[in-house]
Protein backbone atom coordinates (compact mmCIF):
# COMPACT_ATOMS: atom_id res chain seq x y z
CA MET A 1 73.24 -58.81 31.04
CA THR A 2 70.09 -58.10 29.89
CA VAL A 3 69.71 -54.22 29.01
CA THR A 4 66.36 -53.23 30.16
CA THR A 5 65.15 -49.60 28.35
CA PRO A 6 62.92 -47.43 30.41
CA ASP A 7 60.05 -47.97 28.17
CA SER A 8 60.51 -51.84 27.78
CA LEU A 9 58.29 -54.46 30.45
CA SER A 10 60.11 -57.01 32.19
CA ALA A 11 60.46 -60.55 31.99
CA LEU A 12 59.04 -60.60 34.86
CA ASP A 13 56.76 -58.55 34.97
CA ALA A 14 55.36 -60.36 31.98
CA GLU A 15 55.38 -63.25 33.78
CA THR A 16 52.90 -62.06 36.11
CA TYR A 17 50.33 -60.48 33.72
CA ALA A 18 50.22 -63.32 31.90
CA ALA A 19 49.31 -65.14 34.65
CA TRP A 20 46.71 -62.54 36.02
CA PHE A 21 45.29 -62.86 32.18
CA ALA A 22 45.62 -67.14 31.52
CA CYS A 23 43.63 -67.05 34.68
CA LEU A 24 40.91 -64.85 33.16
CA ALA A 25 40.65 -66.15 29.64
CA GLU A 26 37.99 -68.35 31.49
CA PRO A 27 35.27 -67.22 31.14
CA MET A 28 33.37 -68.21 34.27
CA ARG A 29 36.45 -66.83 36.18
CA VAL A 30 35.05 -63.60 34.54
CA ARG A 31 31.25 -64.09 35.87
CA LEU A 32 32.45 -64.85 39.34
CA LEU A 33 35.24 -62.08 39.69
CA HIS A 34 32.75 -59.20 38.79
CA ALA A 35 29.53 -61.00 40.92
CA ILE A 36 32.37 -60.50 43.44
CA ALA A 37 34.31 -56.88 42.71
CA THR A 38 29.83 -55.30 42.99
CA THR A 39 28.94 -57.62 46.05
CA PRO A 40 29.70 -55.23 48.70
CA GLY A 41 31.88 -56.55 51.77
CA SER A 42 32.17 -60.49 51.18
CA VAL A 43 29.96 -63.32 49.62
CA GLY A 44 29.72 -66.39 50.52
CA VAL A 45 30.75 -69.83 47.36
CA GLY A 46 27.21 -71.05 47.87
CA GLU A 47 25.48 -67.48 47.44
CA LEU A 48 28.07 -66.83 44.55
CA ALA A 49 26.97 -70.44 42.42
CA GLU A 50 23.30 -69.07 42.83
CA MET A 51 24.57 -66.04 41.55
CA VAL A 52 25.91 -67.84 38.15
CA ASP A 53 23.54 -71.06 37.97
CA LEU A 54 26.60 -73.44 38.53
CA ARG A 55 27.33 -76.51 41.30
CA GLN A 56 28.93 -75.51 44.35
CA PRO A 57 32.19 -77.22 44.12
CA THR A 58 33.29 -76.00 40.52
CA VAL A 59 32.84 -72.81 41.71
CA SER A 60 35.18 -73.80 44.57
CA HIS A 61 37.27 -74.46 42.05
CA HIS A 62 37.37 -71.43 39.93
CA LEU A 63 37.82 -69.04 43.20
CA ARG A 64 40.98 -71.46 44.35
CA LYS A 65 41.97 -69.96 40.34
CA LEU A 66 41.29 -66.77 41.07
CA ALA A 67 42.68 -66.72 44.84
CA ASP A 68 46.02 -68.36 43.67
CA VAL A 69 47.14 -65.01 41.12
CA GLY A 70 45.60 -62.98 43.52
CA PHE A 71 42.27 -61.88 42.62
CA VAL A 72 40.26 -62.33 45.78
CA THR A 73 40.95 -63.27 49.41
CA LEU A 74 39.25 -66.42 50.68
CA THR A 75 38.70 -66.39 54.07
CA ARG A 76 36.69 -69.34 56.53
CA VAL A 77 34.06 -67.64 58.74
CA GLY A 78 33.13 -71.38 61.32
CA THR A 79 32.08 -74.13 58.50
CA SER A 80 31.65 -71.64 56.08
CA THR A 81 34.18 -69.79 53.16
CA ARG A 82 33.53 -65.83 52.41
CA VAL A 83 35.29 -64.09 49.62
CA ALA A 84 35.99 -60.53 48.79
CA VAL A 85 38.18 -58.73 46.38
CA ASN A 86 41.40 -58.09 46.14
CA PRO A 87 41.44 -53.79 46.78
CA ALA A 88 45.21 -54.13 44.73
CA CYS A 89 44.12 -55.65 41.80
CA CYS A 90 40.84 -52.94 41.31
CA VAL A 91 43.98 -50.57 40.44
CA GLY A 92 46.69 -53.41 39.00
CA LEU A 93 44.74 -55.33 36.47
CA PRO A 94 44.95 -51.39 34.91
CA HIS A 95 48.04 -50.80 34.97
CA ALA A 96 48.52 -54.44 33.80
CA ALA A 97 47.07 -53.50 30.51
CA ASP A 98 48.36 -49.74 30.70
CA ALA A 99 51.44 -51.83 30.71
CA VAL A 100 51.13 -54.14 28.32
CA MET A 101 50.24 -51.69 25.54
CA GLY A 102 52.53 -49.31 26.25
CA LEU A 103 50.83 -47.13 28.01
CA LEU A 104 53.24 -46.43 30.47
CA ALA A 105 56.95 -48.15 32.13
CA ALA A 106 57.32 -48.67 35.48
CA ARG A 107 55.88 -45.88 37.10
CA PRO A 108 57.95 -43.29 38.26
CA CYS A 109 58.38 -40.15 40.23
CA CYS A 110 57.93 -37.62 37.51
CA PRO A 111 59.79 -37.36 33.81
CA THR A 112 63.64 -36.65 33.80
CA ASP A 113 64.26 -36.44 30.19
CA LEU A 114 63.04 -32.60 30.20
CA PRO A 115 63.32 -30.42 27.46
CA GLY A 116 66.31 -27.31 28.12
CA ASP A 117 64.23 -25.00 26.07
CA VAL A 118 61.33 -25.15 28.15
CA ALA A 119 60.66 -23.19 30.49
CA THR A 120 58.65 -22.76 33.31
CA ARG A 121 57.10 -20.30 36.17
CA PRO A 122 53.97 -19.53 38.29
CA MET A 123 50.77 -17.96 36.24
CA ALA A 124 50.54 -14.48 37.28
CA ASP A 125 47.17 -13.08 36.20
CA ALA A 126 49.22 -10.59 33.06
CA ASP A 127 47.99 -14.36 31.58
CA LEU A 128 45.08 -15.39 31.81
CA GLU A 129 43.98 -14.19 28.67
CA ARG A 130 46.35 -16.32 26.96
CA VAL A 131 46.21 -19.16 28.60
CA ARG A 132 42.25 -18.98 27.59
CA GLU A 133 43.66 -18.98 24.57
CA ILE A 134 45.62 -22.46 24.77
CA TYR A 135 42.34 -22.97 26.96
CA ALA A 136 39.36 -22.36 23.90
CA GLU A 137 42.21 -24.21 21.32
CA GLY A 138 42.19 -27.85 23.61
CA ILE A 139 38.57 -27.23 23.22
CA ALA A 140 38.69 -27.49 19.93
CA THR A 141 40.38 -30.80 19.38
CA GLY A 142 37.05 -32.71 21.46
CA ASP A 143 39.15 -34.24 23.38
CA ALA A 144 40.54 -32.37 25.78
CA THR A 145 37.35 -31.49 27.93
CA PHE A 146 33.57 -31.61 28.56
CA GLU A 147 33.34 -27.82 28.17
CA THR A 148 32.63 -26.48 25.21
CA GLU A 149 33.84 -23.19 25.09
CA ALA A 150 36.58 -21.24 27.50
CA PRO A 151 35.65 -19.80 31.08
CA PRO A 152 36.02 -15.79 30.84
CA VAL A 153 39.24 -14.35 32.12
CA ASP A 154 38.30 -13.69 35.62
CA ALA A 155 35.85 -16.97 36.21
CA LEU A 156 39.39 -18.78 35.80
CA LYS A 157 41.29 -16.04 38.00
CA ASP A 158 39.13 -17.65 40.92
CA LYS A 159 39.32 -21.35 39.89
CA TRP A 160 42.27 -23.11 40.89
CA LEU A 161 44.72 -23.43 44.23
CA PRO A 162 46.54 -20.57 44.46
CA GLY A 163 50.40 -21.20 44.26
CA HIS A 164 49.78 -24.42 41.84
CA ARG A 165 49.17 -22.64 38.89
CA TRP A 166 52.04 -22.15 36.09
CA VAL A 167 52.71 -21.67 32.21
CA ALA A 168 55.24 -22.99 30.31
CA GLU A 169 57.83 -20.95 27.67
CA LEU A 170 59.29 -21.18 23.98
CA ASP A 171 61.79 -18.91 23.65
CA GLY A 172 60.05 -15.91 26.21
CA ALA A 173 56.09 -17.02 24.19
CA VAL A 174 53.26 -18.79 27.04
CA VAL A 175 52.88 -22.01 25.05
CA GLY A 176 51.60 -24.15 28.02
CA TRP A 177 49.62 -24.12 30.61
CA ALA A 178 48.91 -26.60 33.84
CA ALA A 179 46.93 -25.75 36.93
CA ALA A 180 45.29 -27.65 40.33
CA ALA A 181 41.11 -27.13 41.61
CA PRO A 182 40.16 -27.95 44.45
CA VAL A 183 37.94 -31.31 44.31
CA SER A 184 36.25 -30.52 47.28
CA ALA A 185 34.99 -27.35 49.55
CA ARG A 186 35.07 -29.80 52.92
CA GLU A 187 38.67 -29.42 54.72
CA ALA A 188 39.34 -33.24 54.87
CA TYR A 189 39.58 -32.45 51.42
CA THR A 190 42.55 -30.19 51.38
CA GLY A 191 44.70 -32.06 49.84
CA VAL A 192 43.37 -33.06 46.96
CA ALA A 193 43.04 -30.98 43.59
CA GLU A 194 41.67 -32.58 40.03
CA THR A 195 44.40 -31.14 37.85
CA SER A 196 44.33 -30.00 34.28
CA VAL A 197 47.66 -29.57 31.32
CA TYR A 198 47.35 -27.70 28.39
CA VAL A 199 49.08 -26.97 25.58
CA ALA A 200 49.56 -25.06 22.00
CA GLY A 201 48.29 -26.23 19.37
CA ALA A 202 51.58 -25.42 17.57
CA ALA A 203 53.53 -26.24 20.29
CA ARG A 204 53.02 -29.98 21.00
CA GLY A 205 55.56 -32.71 21.18
CA ARG A 206 58.09 -30.41 22.23
CA GLY A 207 58.39 -31.80 25.87
CA VAL A 208 56.18 -29.00 26.95
CA GLY A 209 53.59 -30.52 28.40
CA LYS A 210 55.89 -33.10 30.21
CA ALA A 211 58.25 -29.87 31.55
CA LEU A 212 54.26 -28.44 33.05
CA LEU A 213 53.59 -31.82 34.50
CA TYR A 214 57.38 -32.62 36.01
CA ARG A 215 56.64 -29.02 37.58
CA GLN A 216 53.07 -29.56 39.18
CA VAL A 217 53.65 -32.33 40.78
CA THR A 218 57.09 -31.48 42.28
CA GLU A 219 55.15 -28.04 43.48
CA ALA A 220 52.20 -30.37 44.73
CA ASP A 221 54.76 -32.58 46.88
CA THR A 222 55.79 -30.29 48.41
CA GLY A 223 52.69 -27.72 48.68
CA GLY A 224 51.17 -29.53 51.05
CA LEU A 225 48.04 -31.50 48.29
CA TRP A 226 49.18 -35.24 48.58
CA THR A 227 46.56 -37.05 45.87
CA LEU A 228 46.83 -34.81 42.27
CA GLN A 229 43.45 -36.38 40.43
CA THR A 230 42.60 -36.14 36.53
CA SER A 231 40.38 -37.38 33.96
CA VAL A 232 41.10 -37.93 30.34
CA PHE A 233 39.37 -38.78 27.66
CA PRO A 234 40.40 -42.47 26.74
CA GLU A 235 41.00 -41.67 22.77
CA ASN A 236 43.39 -38.43 24.49
CA ARG A 237 46.61 -41.89 24.60
CA ALA A 238 49.01 -38.83 24.67
CA SER A 239 47.57 -37.65 27.66
CA LEU A 240 47.39 -40.74 29.62
CA ALA A 241 50.87 -41.50 28.65
CA LEU A 242 51.95 -38.36 29.62
CA HIS A 243 50.32 -38.88 32.74
CA HIS A 244 51.00 -42.20 33.74
CA GLN A 245 55.28 -40.61 33.53
CA ALA A 246 54.35 -38.99 35.76
CA GLY A 247 53.14 -41.31 37.99
CA PHE A 248 50.01 -40.93 37.84
CA ARG A 249 48.34 -44.18 38.27
CA THR A 250 44.47 -45.64 36.29
CA VAL A 251 41.70 -45.17 38.95
CA GLY A 252 39.40 -47.19 36.19
CA VAL A 253 36.78 -45.93 33.77
CA ARG A 254 34.06 -43.99 33.94
CA GLU A 255 31.52 -45.62 31.91
CA ARG A 256 29.11 -43.24 29.89
CA ILE A 257 30.23 -39.99 32.43
CA ALA A 258 28.39 -37.30 30.95
CA ARG A 259 27.09 -36.39 27.16
CA HIS A 260 29.68 -34.31 25.43
CA HIS A 261 28.14 -32.67 22.19
CA GLY A 262 25.18 -35.03 22.05
CA ARG A 263 26.95 -38.13 22.54
CA TRP A 264 27.97 -40.62 25.67
CA ARG A 265 31.11 -40.52 26.68
CA ASP A 266 34.47 -42.46 28.31
CA THR A 267 36.88 -40.93 31.08
CA VAL A 268 39.51 -42.14 32.42
CA LEU A 269 40.00 -41.79 36.38
CA LEU A 270 43.76 -41.07 36.97
CA GLU A 271 45.62 -40.51 40.64
CA ARG A 272 48.31 -39.12 42.22
CA ARG A 273 49.95 -40.15 45.40
CA ARG A 274 52.75 -38.04 47.10
CA GLU A 275 54.56 -40.73 49.39
CA THR A 276 54.00 -40.73 53.09
CA GLY A 277 55.61 -44.27 53.89
CA ALA A 278 56.16 -47.16 52.75
CA GLU A 279 52.49 -48.21 51.38
CA SER A 280 52.43 -45.09 49.39
CA PRO A 281 51.59 -46.37 45.26
CA ALA A 282 53.76 -43.27 44.31
CA CYS A 283 57.21 -41.67 45.14
CA ALA A 284 57.86 -38.26 45.83
CA CYS A 285 60.64 -36.60 43.86
């Protein structure tokens, strides 16, 4: 019997991911998949052949390989074949890369090995000055946010959703915070929020972020939020791993999305969904 640790990669997952990566070891398949993914709707085999400057039989051969591992779908329409990207691979492929690189294990509900000495509670207005100090510490690292200075306390007070802002305490002192802000004023997005988690420098490595995310996602699941999203700099590997442990999934990388201290930066967009049925991509605690 093989014992699988929470952070190990199962043999079945390894076999699946290896098949995906082997398929993409052929550069022409990478070009074809890119062409298909960036073409709205579906595309014909003949059109693809022109796009990559290959003979149609060769393109058809590569398309069958891509279809075999599930990257694309092939649909007969009359006498022609239409090709479309499989939407699941847009999420599954980044997830596979994260799993292989050790950034996540099997997608959990939320962290379970919580520190016993960290307490979380709702954020009060009296906490905002300390919250701002911790925010400023995070900004100073250069890898936490595009912000270059912490907003005034009054701005923080109005920034986040009521009932979705939390602080963490160690020995009675506030050492971290988590909060969710609305992504849009449109009614259709009332259950979608953008999350932030910050931990004081002196308290990092104590499980404070894990405790805060646990509180945040469990309260979101029961508090009317069905989608949590966040953007993290790729260099902030600790934050990426922490969010993956809480059931966030990598949606994609937003390349050169904005300038920060005079240089273009990428961000990784992550998302967590509350379970609403069998097709939900995440579980609810």
